[in-house]
Amino acid sequence: MNKKERNLTESQLLRIKAEEKLKQKRKKIPSEIQEADAKKLLHELQVHQIELEMQNEELRQANAIAEEALRRYTMLYDFAPMGYFILESDGSIADLNFTGAEILGDKRFSLLNSNFKLFIAESSKPVFNKFLRKVYTSTAKESCELVLGYNGRTPCHVYVEGVVTGDDRQCLLSVVDISGFKK
């Protein structure tokens, strides 16, 4: 091994050896065949480049469509006129929209992981517990009426519908303020 080879990395040595082998192979193949192979390879690379450009354009269009759908569904979820909640089986809030936060009287992100049961008036807790048991044992949509009220806040009458979905077994809950109808 000469002094130059000692300063090279394994991958650099491998590349040098591969290039030497390629030179030896090229000497054995007539130049006309090499030129035809090169033209064929260039054609294949150009076709592949065009295919990639077409796929890239399709991906850009699909991304634009996905972004628009996300924007629309975000608007629909976050700014719906009813509260939407995703609850765990113990009643903790995994997610909620802005209207749901408004109904509970707090900021959206401060309500995450808190328990929905904390916001229910004592008189309605047995109703909610029964509702939660039914919704988790049934495959059908369940509903009930509750009174939300805690820490001396004005009671708020709500209509609740829920269903458990998917393998993660979370309850999708919609909450509508019906206080105006109760008066």
N, C-alpha and C. Protein backbone atom coordinates (compact mmCIF):
# COMPACT_ATOMS: atom_id res chain seq x y z
N MET A 1 0.86 -1.17 0.00
CA MET A 1 0.00 0.00 0.00
C MET A 1 0.90 1.23 0.00
N ASN A 2 0.66 2.15 -0.96
CA ASN A 2 1.50 3.34 -1.01
C ASN A 2 0.99 4.41 -0.06
N LYS A 3 1.75 5.52 0.04
CA LYS A 3 1.44 6.58 1.01
C LYS A 3 0.08 7.21 0.71
N LYS A 4 -0.26 7.38 -0.55
CA LYS A 4 -1.52 8.00 -0.94
C LYS A 4 -2.71 7.15 -0.51
N GLU A 5 -2.62 5.82 -0.70
CA GLU A 5 -3.70 4.90 -0.35
C GLU A 5 -3.94 4.84 1.15
N ARG A 6 -2.92 5.08 1.95
CA ARG A 6 -3.08 5.04 3.40
C ARG A 6 -3.95 6.19 3.92
N ASN A 7 -3.98 7.30 3.21
CA ASN A 7 -4.75 8.47 3.65
C ASN A 7 -6.21 8.43 3.18
N LEU A 8 -6.59 7.41 2.44
CA LEU A 8 -7.96 7.32 1.91
C LEU A 8 -8.83 6.46 2.83
N THR A 9 -10.13 6.77 2.80
CA THR A 9 -11.08 5.96 3.58
C THR A 9 -11.40 4.69 2.82
N GLU A 10 -12.07 3.78 3.51
CA GLU A 10 -12.48 2.52 2.89
C GLU A 10 -13.34 2.76 1.65
N SER A 11 -14.31 3.68 1.76
CA SER A 11 -15.21 3.93 0.63
C SER A 11 -14.45 4.56 -0.54
N GLN A 12 -13.45 5.41 -0.24
CA GLN A 12 -12.67 6.00 -1.32
C GLN A 12 -11.83 4.94 -2.02
N LEU A 13 -11.24 4.04 -1.25
CA LEU A 13 -10.47 2.94 -1.85
C LEU A 13 -11.36 2.04 -2.70
N LEU A 14 -12.56 1.76 -2.20
CA LEU A 14 -13.50 0.91 -2.94
C LEU A 14 -13.85 1.57 -4.27
N ARG A 15 -14.10 2.87 -4.25
CA ARG A 15 -14.45 3.60 -5.48
C ARG A 15 -13.29 3.53 -6.49
N ILE A 16 -12.06 3.74 -6.02
CA ILE A 16 -10.90 3.70 -6.92
C ILE A 16 -10.79 2.31 -7.57
N LYS A 17 -10.94 1.27 -6.77
CA LYS A 17 -10.86 -0.10 -7.30
C LYS A 17 -11.99 -0.36 -8.31
N ALA A 18 -13.20 0.14 -8.01
CA ALA A 18 -14.33 -0.04 -8.93
C ALA A 18 -14.08 0.67 -10.25
N GLU A 19 -13.53 1.88 -10.19
CA GLU A 19 -13.22 2.61 -11.43
C GLU A 19 -12.17 1.88 -12.25
N GLU A 20 -11.18 1.30 -11.61
CA GLU A 20 -10.16 0.53 -12.32
C GLU A 20 -10.77 -0.68 -13.01
N LYS A 21 -11.66 -1.39 -12.32
CA LYS A 21 -12.33 -2.55 -12.93
C LYS A 21 -13.17 -2.13 -14.12
N LEU A 22 -13.86 -0.97 -14.00
CA LEU A 22 -14.69 -0.47 -15.10
C LEU A 22 -13.81 -0.16 -16.32
N LYS A 23 -12.65 0.44 -16.11
CA LYS A 23 -11.72 0.73 -17.21
C LYS A 23 -11.30 -0.56 -17.90
N GLN A 24 -11.02 -1.61 -17.11
CA GLN A 24 -10.62 -2.89 -17.68
C GLN A 24 -11.75 -3.51 -18.50
N LYS A 25 -13.00 -3.41 -18.01
CA LYS A 25 -14.15 -3.95 -18.74
C LYS A 25 -14.37 -3.20 -20.04
N ARG A 26 -14.22 -1.88 -20.00
CA ARG A 26 -14.43 -1.06 -21.20
C ARG A 26 -13.41 -1.40 -22.29
N LYS A 27 -12.21 -1.76 -21.89
CA LYS A 27 -11.18 -2.12 -22.88
C LYS A 27 -11.60 -3.36 -23.66
N LYS A 28 -12.35 -4.27 -23.02
CA LYS A 28 -12.76 -5.51 -23.65
C LYS A 28 -13.96 -5.33 -24.58
N ILE A 29 -14.78 -4.22 -24.40
CA ILE A 29 -15.99 -4.00 -25.19
C ILE A 29 -15.68 -3.01 -26.30
N PRO A 30 -16.08 -3.33 -27.55
CA PRO A 30 -15.84 -2.40 -28.66
C PRO A 30 -16.51 -1.05 -28.41
N SER A 31 -15.92 0.04 -28.90
CA SER A 31 -16.40 1.39 -28.62
C SER A 31 -17.79 1.65 -29.20
N GLU A 32 -18.16 0.98 -30.35
CA GLU A 32 -19.49 1.17 -30.93
C GLU A 32 -20.58 0.69 -29.95
N ILE A 33 -20.31 -0.43 -29.29
CA ILE A 33 -21.28 -0.98 -28.34
C ILE A 33 -21.39 -0.05 -27.14
N GLN A 34 -20.23 0.46 -26.67
CA GLN A 34 -20.25 1.39 -25.54
C GLN A 34 -21.06 2.63 -25.88
N GLU A 35 -20.90 3.13 -27.10
CA GLU A 35 -21.62 4.35 -27.52
C GLU A 35 -23.12 4.06 -27.62
N ALA A 36 -23.51 2.92 -28.13
CA ALA A 36 -24.93 2.55 -28.23
C ALA A 36 -25.52 2.39 -26.83
N ASP A 37 -24.77 1.75 -25.94
CA ASP A 37 -25.23 1.60 -24.56
C ASP A 37 -25.40 2.95 -23.89
N ALA A 38 -24.47 3.84 -24.14
CA ALA A 38 -24.54 5.17 -23.53
C ALA A 38 -25.78 5.93 -24.04
N LYS A 39 -26.05 5.82 -25.35
CA LYS A 39 -27.23 6.50 -25.90
C LYS A 39 -28.52 5.90 -25.34
N LYS A 40 -28.54 4.58 -25.22
CA LYS A 40 -29.71 3.91 -24.65
C LYS A 40 -29.91 4.32 -23.20
N LEU A 41 -28.80 4.35 -22.46
CA LEU A 41 -28.86 4.74 -21.06
C LEU A 41 -29.30 6.20 -20.91
N LEU A 42 -28.79 7.08 -21.77
CA LEU A 42 -29.18 8.49 -21.74
C LEU A 42 -30.68 8.62 -22.01
N HIS A 43 -31.16 7.87 -23.01
CA HIS A 43 -32.60 7.89 -23.32
C HIS A 43 -33.41 7.44 -22.11
N GLU A 44 -33.02 6.36 -21.47
CA GLU A 44 -33.73 5.84 -20.30
C GLU A 44 -33.73 6.87 -19.16
N LEU A 45 -32.59 7.52 -18.96
CA LEU A 45 -32.51 8.54 -17.91
C LEU A 45 -33.42 9.73 -18.21
N GLN A 46 -33.47 10.14 -19.49
CA GLN A 46 -34.34 11.26 -19.87
C GLN A 46 -35.82 10.90 -19.67
N VAL A 47 -36.19 9.70 -20.07
CA VAL A 47 -37.58 9.24 -19.87
C VAL A 47 -37.90 9.18 -18.38
N HIS A 48 -36.97 8.66 -17.61
CA HIS A 48 -37.18 8.56 -16.16
C HIS A 48 -37.30 9.96 -15.54
N GLN A 49 -36.50 10.91 -16.02
CA GLN A 49 -36.58 12.28 -15.51
C GLN A 49 -37.95 12.88 -15.80
N ILE A 50 -38.48 12.65 -16.99
CA ILE A 50 -39.81 13.17 -17.35
C ILE A 50 -40.88 12.50 -16.49
N GLU A 51 -40.74 11.18 -16.27
CA GLU A 51 -41.69 10.48 -15.39
C GLU A 51 -41.68 11.09 -14.00
N LEU A 52 -40.48 11.35 -13.48
CA LEU A 52 -40.36 11.94 -12.14
C LEU A 52 -40.98 13.34 -12.10
N GLU A 53 -40.77 14.12 -13.15
CA GLU A 53 -41.36 15.46 -13.21
C GLU A 53 -42.89 15.38 -13.23
N MET A 54 -43.43 14.40 -13.97
CA MET A 54 -44.88 14.21 -14.02
C MET A 54 -45.41 13.77 -12.65
N GLN A 55 -44.71 12.85 -12.01
CA GLN A 55 -45.12 12.41 -10.67
C GLN A 55 -45.04 13.56 -9.67
N ASN A 56 -44.02 14.38 -9.80
CA ASN A 56 -43.86 15.53 -8.92
C ASN A 56 -45.04 16.49 -9.09
N GLU A 57 -45.47 16.72 -10.31
CA GLU A 57 -46.61 17.60 -10.56
C GLU A 57 -47.89 17.00 -9.97
N GLU A 58 -48.07 15.69 -10.13
CA GLU A 58 -49.23 15.01 -9.53
C GLU A 58 -49.21 15.16 -8.01
N LEU A 59 -48.02 15.01 -7.41
CA LEU A 59 -47.90 15.16 -5.96
C LEU A 59 -48.21 16.59 -5.53
N ARG A 60 -47.76 17.57 -6.31
CA ARG A 60 -48.07 18.97 -5.98
C ARG A 60 -49.57 19.22 -6.02
N GLN A 61 -50.24 18.66 -7.03
CA GLN A 61 -51.69 18.83 -7.14
C GLN A 61 -52.39 18.12 -5.98
N ALA A 62 -51.97 16.91 -5.66
CA ALA A 62 -52.58 16.17 -4.55
C ALA A 62 -52.35 16.91 -3.23
N ASN A 63 -51.17 17.49 -3.06
CA ASN A 63 -50.87 18.25 -1.85
C ASN A 63 -51.77 19.49 -1.76
N ALA A 64 -51.97 20.18 -2.87
CA ALA A 64 -52.84 21.36 -2.87
C ALA A 64 -54.28 20.97 -2.51
N ILE A 65 -54.74 19.85 -3.05
CA ILE A 65 -56.10 19.37 -2.74
C ILE A 65 -56.19 19.00 -1.26
N ALA A 66 -55.17 18.32 -0.75
CA ALA A 66 -55.17 17.92 0.66
C ALA A 66 -55.14 19.14 1.58
N GLU A 67 -54.35 20.15 1.21
CA GLU A 67 -54.29 21.37 2.02
C GLU A 67 -55.63 22.09 2.03
N GLU A 68 -56.31 22.12 0.90
CA GLU A 68 -57.62 22.76 0.84
C GLU A 68 -58.64 21.99 1.68
N ALA A 69 -58.60 20.66 1.59
CA ALA A 69 -59.50 19.84 2.40
C ALA A 69 -59.22 20.04 3.89
N LEU A 70 -57.96 20.09 4.26
CA LEU A 70 -57.60 20.34 5.66
C LEU A 70 -58.11 21.69 6.12
N ARG A 71 -57.96 22.71 5.29
CA ARG A 71 -58.45 24.05 5.64
C ARG A 71 -59.95 24.05 5.84
N ARG A 72 -60.67 23.39 4.94
CA ARG A 72 -62.13 23.35 5.03
C ARG A 72 -62.59 22.58 6.27
N TYR A 73 -62.00 21.42 6.51
CA TYR A 73 -62.41 20.62 7.66
C TYR A 73 -61.98 21.24 8.98
N THR A 74 -60.87 21.95 8.96
CA THR A 74 -60.47 22.68 10.16
C THR A 74 -61.49 23.77 10.46
N MET A 75 -61.91 24.49 9.44
CA MET A 75 -62.95 25.51 9.63
C MET A 75 -64.23 24.86 10.14
N LEU A 76 -64.62 23.76 9.53
CA LEU A 76 -65.85 23.08 9.92
C LEU A 76 -65.77 22.59 11.36
N TYR A 77 -64.67 22.02 11.75
CA TYR A 77 -64.51 21.48 13.11
C TYR A 77 -64.33 22.60 14.13
N ASP A 78 -63.36 23.46 13.90
CA ASP A 78 -63.02 24.46 14.91
C ASP A 78 -64.09 25.52 15.12
N PHE A 79 -64.77 25.90 14.06
CA PHE A 79 -65.71 27.02 14.17
C PHE A 79 -67.17 26.61 14.02
N ALA A 80 -67.45 25.33 14.22
CA ALA A 80 -68.84 24.84 14.16
C ALA A 80 -69.65 25.51 15.27
N PRO A 81 -70.94 25.65 15.08
CA PRO A 81 -71.77 26.29 16.11
C PRO A 81 -72.08 25.38 17.29
N MET A 82 -71.54 24.18 17.31
CA MET A 82 -71.72 23.28 18.46
C MET A 82 -70.35 22.84 18.94
N GLY A 83 -70.31 22.44 20.20
CA GLY A 83 -69.06 21.97 20.76
C GLY A 83 -68.77 20.55 20.34
N TYR A 84 -67.56 20.32 19.89
CA TYR A 84 -67.10 18.98 19.56
C TYR A 84 -65.98 18.61 20.52
N PHE A 85 -66.07 17.40 21.05
CA PHE A 85 -65.08 16.89 21.98
C PHE A 85 -64.68 15.49 21.56
N ILE A 86 -63.45 15.12 21.86
CA ILE A 86 -63.02 13.73 21.78
C ILE A 86 -62.64 13.35 23.20
N LEU A 87 -63.36 12.37 23.75
CA LEU A 87 -63.14 11.96 25.14
C LEU A 87 -62.53 10.57 25.21
N GLU A 88 -61.68 10.39 26.20
CA GLU A 88 -61.17 9.06 26.52
C GLU A 88 -62.24 8.36 27.36
N SER A 89 -62.08 7.07 27.61
CA SER A 89 -63.10 6.30 28.33
C SER A 89 -63.30 6.79 29.76
N ASP A 90 -62.30 7.44 30.35
CA ASP A 90 -62.45 7.97 31.71
C ASP A 90 -63.08 9.37 31.74
N GLY A 91 -63.38 9.91 30.55
CA GLY A 91 -64.00 11.24 30.46
C GLY A 91 -63.01 12.36 30.24
N SER A 92 -61.72 12.05 30.16
CA SER A 92 -60.75 13.12 29.92
C SER A 92 -60.83 13.60 28.48
N ILE A 93 -60.58 14.90 28.30
CA ILE A 93 -60.73 15.55 27.00
C ILE A 93 -59.43 15.39 26.21
N ALA A 94 -59.51 14.64 25.11
CA ALA A 94 -58.35 14.45 24.23
C ALA A 94 -58.25 15.59 23.22
N ASP A 95 -59.39 16.12 22.81
CA ASP A 95 -59.41 17.24 21.86
C ASP A 95 -60.77 17.91 21.93
N LEU A 96 -60.84 19.16 21.48
CA LEU A 96 -62.10 19.89 21.45
C LEU A 96 -61.96 21.06 20.49
N ASN A 97 -63.11 21.58 20.06
CA ASN A 97 -63.07 22.74 19.18
C ASN A 97 -63.27 24.01 20.00
N PHE A 98 -63.23 25.16 19.31
CA PHE A 98 -63.34 26.44 20.00
C PHE A 98 -64.69 26.62 20.68
N THR A 99 -65.75 26.16 20.03
CA THR A 99 -67.09 26.28 20.61
C THR A 99 -67.19 25.44 21.88
N GLY A 100 -66.60 24.27 21.87
CA GLY A 100 -66.58 23.44 23.07
C GLY A 100 -65.87 24.13 24.22
N ALA A 101 -64.76 24.79 23.92
CA ALA A 101 -64.03 25.54 24.95
C ALA A 101 -64.87 26.69 25.47
N GLU A 102 -65.59 27.34 24.56
CA GLU A 102 -66.46 28.45 24.95
C GLU A 102 -67.58 27.96 25.87
N ILE A 103 -68.17 26.82 25.54
CA ILE A 103 -69.24 26.25 26.37
C ILE A 103 -68.72 25.95 27.78
N LEU A 104 -67.48 25.44 27.86
CA LEU A 104 -66.91 25.12 29.16
C LEU A 104 -66.31 26.35 29.86
N GLY A 105 -66.19 27.42 29.11
CA GLY A 105 -65.76 28.68 29.72
C GLY A 105 -64.27 28.80 29.99
N ASP A 106 -63.47 28.19 29.14
CA ASP A 106 -62.02 28.28 29.33
C ASP A 106 -61.34 28.26 27.97
N LYS A 107 -60.03 28.39 27.96
CA LYS A 107 -59.27 28.34 26.71
C LYS A 107 -59.11 26.89 26.27
N ARG A 108 -59.12 26.73 24.97
CA ARG A 108 -59.07 25.39 24.38
C ARG A 108 -57.91 24.54 24.90
N PHE A 109 -56.71 25.09 24.83
CA PHE A 109 -55.54 24.28 25.16
C PHE A 109 -55.39 24.03 26.66
N SER A 110 -55.99 24.87 27.47
CA SER A 110 -55.93 24.61 28.91
C SER A 110 -56.92 23.51 29.31
N LEU A 111 -57.88 23.21 28.43
CA LEU A 111 -58.87 22.16 28.73
C LEU A 111 -58.41 20.76 28.32
N LEU A 112 -57.40 20.70 27.47
CA LEU A 112 -56.91 19.39 27.03
C LEU A 112 -56.43 18.58 28.23
N ASN A 113 -56.80 17.33 28.25
CA ASN A 113 -56.45 16.36 29.30
C ASN A 113 -57.19 16.58 30.62
N SER A 114 -58.01 17.63 30.69
CA SER A 114 -58.83 17.76 31.90
C SER A 114 -60.05 16.86 31.73
N ASN A 115 -60.74 16.58 32.81
CA ASN A 115 -61.86 15.65 32.73
C ASN A 115 -63.17 16.41 32.51
N PHE A 116 -63.93 15.98 31.53
CA PHE A 116 -65.20 16.60 31.19
C PHE A 116 -66.15 16.59 32.38
N LYS A 117 -66.03 15.56 33.22
CA LYS A 117 -66.91 15.42 34.38
C LYS A 117 -66.78 16.59 35.36
N LEU A 118 -65.63 17.25 35.37
CA LEU A 118 -65.41 18.39 36.28
C LEU A 118 -66.33 19.57 35.95
N PHE A 119 -66.84 19.62 34.75
CA PHE A 119 -67.65 20.75 34.29
C PHE A 119 -69.15 20.47 34.41
N ILE A 120 -69.50 19.29 34.87
CA ILE A 120 -70.90 18.88 34.96
C ILE A 120 -71.42 19.19 36.36
N ALA A 121 -72.61 19.76 36.42
CA ALA A 121 -73.25 20.04 37.71
C ALA A 121 -73.48 18.72 38.45
N GLU A 122 -73.42 18.76 39.76
CA GLU A 122 -73.58 17.56 40.59
C GLU A 122 -74.86 16.79 40.24
N SER A 123 -75.94 17.52 39.97
CA SER A 123 -77.23 16.87 39.67
C SER A 123 -77.19 16.06 38.37
N SER A 124 -76.28 16.41 37.46
CA SER A 124 -76.21 15.72 36.16
C SER A 124 -75.11 14.66 36.08
N LYS A 125 -74.26 14.56 37.08
CA LYS A 125 -73.15 13.60 37.02
C LYS A 125 -73.63 12.15 36.88
N PRO A 126 -74.69 11.73 37.61
CA PRO A 126 -75.17 10.35 37.41
C PRO A 126 -75.66 10.12 35.98
N VAL A 127 -76.30 11.13 35.39
CA VAL A 127 -76.79 11.01 34.01
C VAL A 127 -75.61 10.85 33.06
N PHE A 128 -74.56 11.66 33.25
CA PHE A 128 -73.40 11.58 32.37
C PHE A 128 -72.67 10.26 32.55
N ASN A 129 -72.52 9.79 33.78
CA ASN A 129 -71.85 8.51 34.01
C ASN A 129 -72.59 7.37 33.33
N LYS A 130 -73.93 7.40 33.41
CA LYS A 130 -74.75 6.38 32.73
C LYS A 130 -74.58 6.49 31.22
N PHE A 131 -74.59 7.71 30.71
CA PHE A 131 -74.40 7.97 29.28
C PHE A 131 -73.04 7.41 28.82
N LEU A 132 -71.99 7.72 29.56
CA LEU A 132 -70.64 7.27 29.19
C LEU A 132 -70.53 5.75 29.20
N ARG A 133 -71.14 5.11 30.20
CA ARG A 133 -71.15 3.63 30.23
C ARG A 133 -71.87 3.07 29.01
N LYS A 134 -73.05 3.65 28.70
CA LYS A 134 -73.84 3.16 27.56
C LYS A 134 -73.10 3.36 26.25
N VAL A 135 -72.49 4.51 26.08
CA VAL A 135 -71.82 4.80 24.81
C VAL A 135 -70.62 3.87 24.60
N TYR A 136 -69.97 3.47 25.68
CA TYR A 136 -68.81 2.57 25.55
C TYR A 136 -69.20 1.10 25.47
N THR A 137 -70.40 0.75 25.83
CA THR A 137 -70.84 -0.65 25.71
C THR A 137 -71.70 -0.87 24.48
N SER A 138 -72.13 0.20 23.86
CA SER A 138 -73.01 0.12 22.70
C SER A 138 -72.23 0.49 21.44
N THR A 139 -72.75 0.09 20.31
CA THR A 139 -72.17 0.52 19.04
C THR A 139 -73.00 1.65 18.43
N ALA A 140 -74.09 1.99 19.09
CA ALA A 140 -75.00 3.01 18.57
C ALA A 140 -74.68 4.37 19.18
N LYS A 141 -75.20 5.40 18.56
CA LYS A 141 -75.07 6.75 19.08
C LYS A 141 -75.99 6.89 20.29
N GLU A 142 -75.49 7.48 21.34
CA GLU A 142 -76.26 7.71 22.56
C GLU A 142 -76.41 9.21 22.78
N SER A 143 -77.42 9.59 23.56
CA SER A 143 -77.62 11.01 23.83
C SER A 143 -78.19 11.21 25.23
N CYS A 144 -78.05 12.45 25.73
CA CYS A 144 -78.61 12.81 27.02
C CYS A 144 -78.62 14.33 27.15
N GLU A 145 -79.32 14.82 28.16
CA GLU A 145 -79.30 16.23 28.49
C GLU A 145 -78.59 16.38 29.82
N LEU A 146 -77.75 17.41 29.90
CA LEU A 146 -76.96 17.65 31.09
C LEU A 146 -77.03 19.12 31.49
N VAL A 147 -76.65 19.38 32.71
CA VAL A 147 -76.46 20.75 33.16
C VAL A 147 -74.98 20.90 33.46
N LEU A 148 -74.35 21.87 32.78
CA LEU A 148 -72.96 22.18 33.06
C LEU A 148 -72.96 23.32 34.06
N GLY A 149 -72.19 23.20 35.07
CA GLY A 149 -72.09 24.25 36.07
C GLY A 149 -71.08 23.86 37.13
N TYR A 150 -70.13 24.72 37.37
CA TYR A 150 -69.09 24.44 38.34
C TYR A 150 -68.56 25.76 38.86
N ASN A 151 -68.00 25.74 40.03
CA ASN A 151 -67.40 26.92 40.66
C ASN A 151 -68.31 28.15 40.62
N GLY A 152 -69.59 27.94 40.86
CA GLY A 152 -70.52 29.06 40.94
C GLY A 152 -70.89 29.68 39.60
N ARG A 153 -70.51 29.04 38.51
CA ARG A 153 -70.86 29.57 37.18
C ARG A 153 -72.35 29.38 36.93
N THR A 154 -72.89 30.20 36.06
CA THR A 154 -74.29 30.08 35.68
C THR A 154 -74.51 28.73 35.02
N PRO A 155 -75.52 27.98 35.46
CA PRO A 155 -75.77 26.66 34.85
C PRO A 155 -76.10 26.80 33.35
N CYS A 156 -75.61 25.86 32.61
CA CYS A 156 -75.81 25.83 31.16
C CYS A 156 -76.40 24.47 30.80
N HIS A 157 -77.60 24.47 30.23
CA HIS A 157 -78.25 23.22 29.81
C HIS A 157 -77.73 22.86 28.42
N VAL A 158 -77.32 21.61 28.28
CA VAL A 158 -76.78 21.15 27.01
C VAL A 158 -77.39 19.82 26.60
N TYR A 159 -77.45 19.62 25.28
CA TYR A 159 -77.85 18.34 24.71
C TYR A 159 -76.57 17.70 24.19
N VAL A 160 -76.34 16.45 24.56
CA VAL A 160 -75.10 15.76 24.23
C VAL A 160 -75.41 14.51 23.41
N GLU A 161 -74.64 14.31 22.35
CA GLU A 161 -74.68 13.06 21.58
C GLU A 161 -73.27 12.54 21.48
N GLY A 162 -73.13 11.22 21.56
CA GLY A 162 -71.81 10.63 21.47
C GLY A 162 -71.81 9.26 20.85
N VAL A 163 -70.68 8.92 20.29
CA VAL A 163 -70.47 7.59 19.71
C VAL A 163 -68.99 7.26 19.87
N VAL A 164 -68.70 5.99 20.09
CA VAL A 164 -67.31 5.53 20.20
C VAL A 164 -66.88 4.99 18.85
N THR A 165 -65.70 5.40 18.41
CA THR A 165 -65.23 5.00 17.09
C THR A 165 -63.85 4.39 17.16
N GLY A 166 -63.57 3.58 16.17
CA GLY A 166 -62.23 3.08 15.91
C GLY A 166 -61.61 2.21 16.99
N ASP A 167 -60.39 1.80 16.68
CA ASP A 167 -59.63 0.94 17.59
C ASP A 167 -59.16 1.68 18.83
N ASP A 168 -59.03 3.01 18.72
CA ASP A 168 -58.56 3.77 19.87
C ASP A 168 -59.66 3.98 20.92
N ARG A 169 -60.90 3.61 20.56
CA ARG A 169 -62.04 3.62 21.50
C ARG A 169 -62.23 4.99 22.16
N GLN A 170 -62.19 6.04 21.35
CA GLN A 170 -62.46 7.38 21.85
C GLN A 170 -63.90 7.74 21.53
N CYS A 171 -64.48 8.55 22.40
CA CYS A 171 -65.86 8.98 22.24
C CYS A 171 -65.89 10.32 21.53
N LEU A 172 -66.57 10.36 20.39
CA LEU A 172 -66.80 11.62 19.69
C LEU A 172 -68.08 12.20 20.26
N LEU A 173 -67.99 13.40 20.77
CA LEU A 173 -69.09 14.01 21.52
C LEU A 173 -69.46 15.34 20.88
N SER A 174 -70.75 15.54 20.64
CA SER A 174 -71.22 16.86 20.22
C SER A 174 -72.07 17.42 21.35
N VAL A 175 -71.89 18.71 21.62
CA VAL A 175 -72.58 19.37 22.73
C VAL A 175 -73.22 20.64 22.20
N VAL A 176 -74.54 20.75 22.40
CA VAL A 176 -75.30 21.93 21.96
C VAL A 176 -75.90 22.62 23.17
N ASP A 177 -75.68 23.90 23.26
CA ASP A 177 -76.27 24.70 24.35
C ASP A 177 -77.75 24.87 24.08
N ILE A 178 -78.60 24.33 24.98
CA ILE A 178 -80.06 24.43 24.82
C ILE A 178 -80.68 25.29 25.93
N SER A 179 -79.84 26.09 26.59
CA SER A 179 -80.32 26.93 27.68
C SER A 179 -81.46 27.85 27.24
N GLY A 180 -81.37 28.37 26.03
CA GLY A 180 -82.41 29.25 25.50
C GLY A 180 -83.75 28.55 25.35
N PHE A 181 -83.73 27.27 25.08
CA PHE A 181 -84.97 26.51 24.92
C PHE A 181 -85.58 26.13 26.28
N LYS A 182 -84.74 26.08 27.30
CA LYS A 182 -85.21 25.66 28.62
C LYS A 182 -85.95 26.79 29.36
N LYS A 183 -85.76 28.03 28.92
CA LYS A 183 -86.39 29.16 29.62
C LYS A 183 -87.82 29.24 29.29
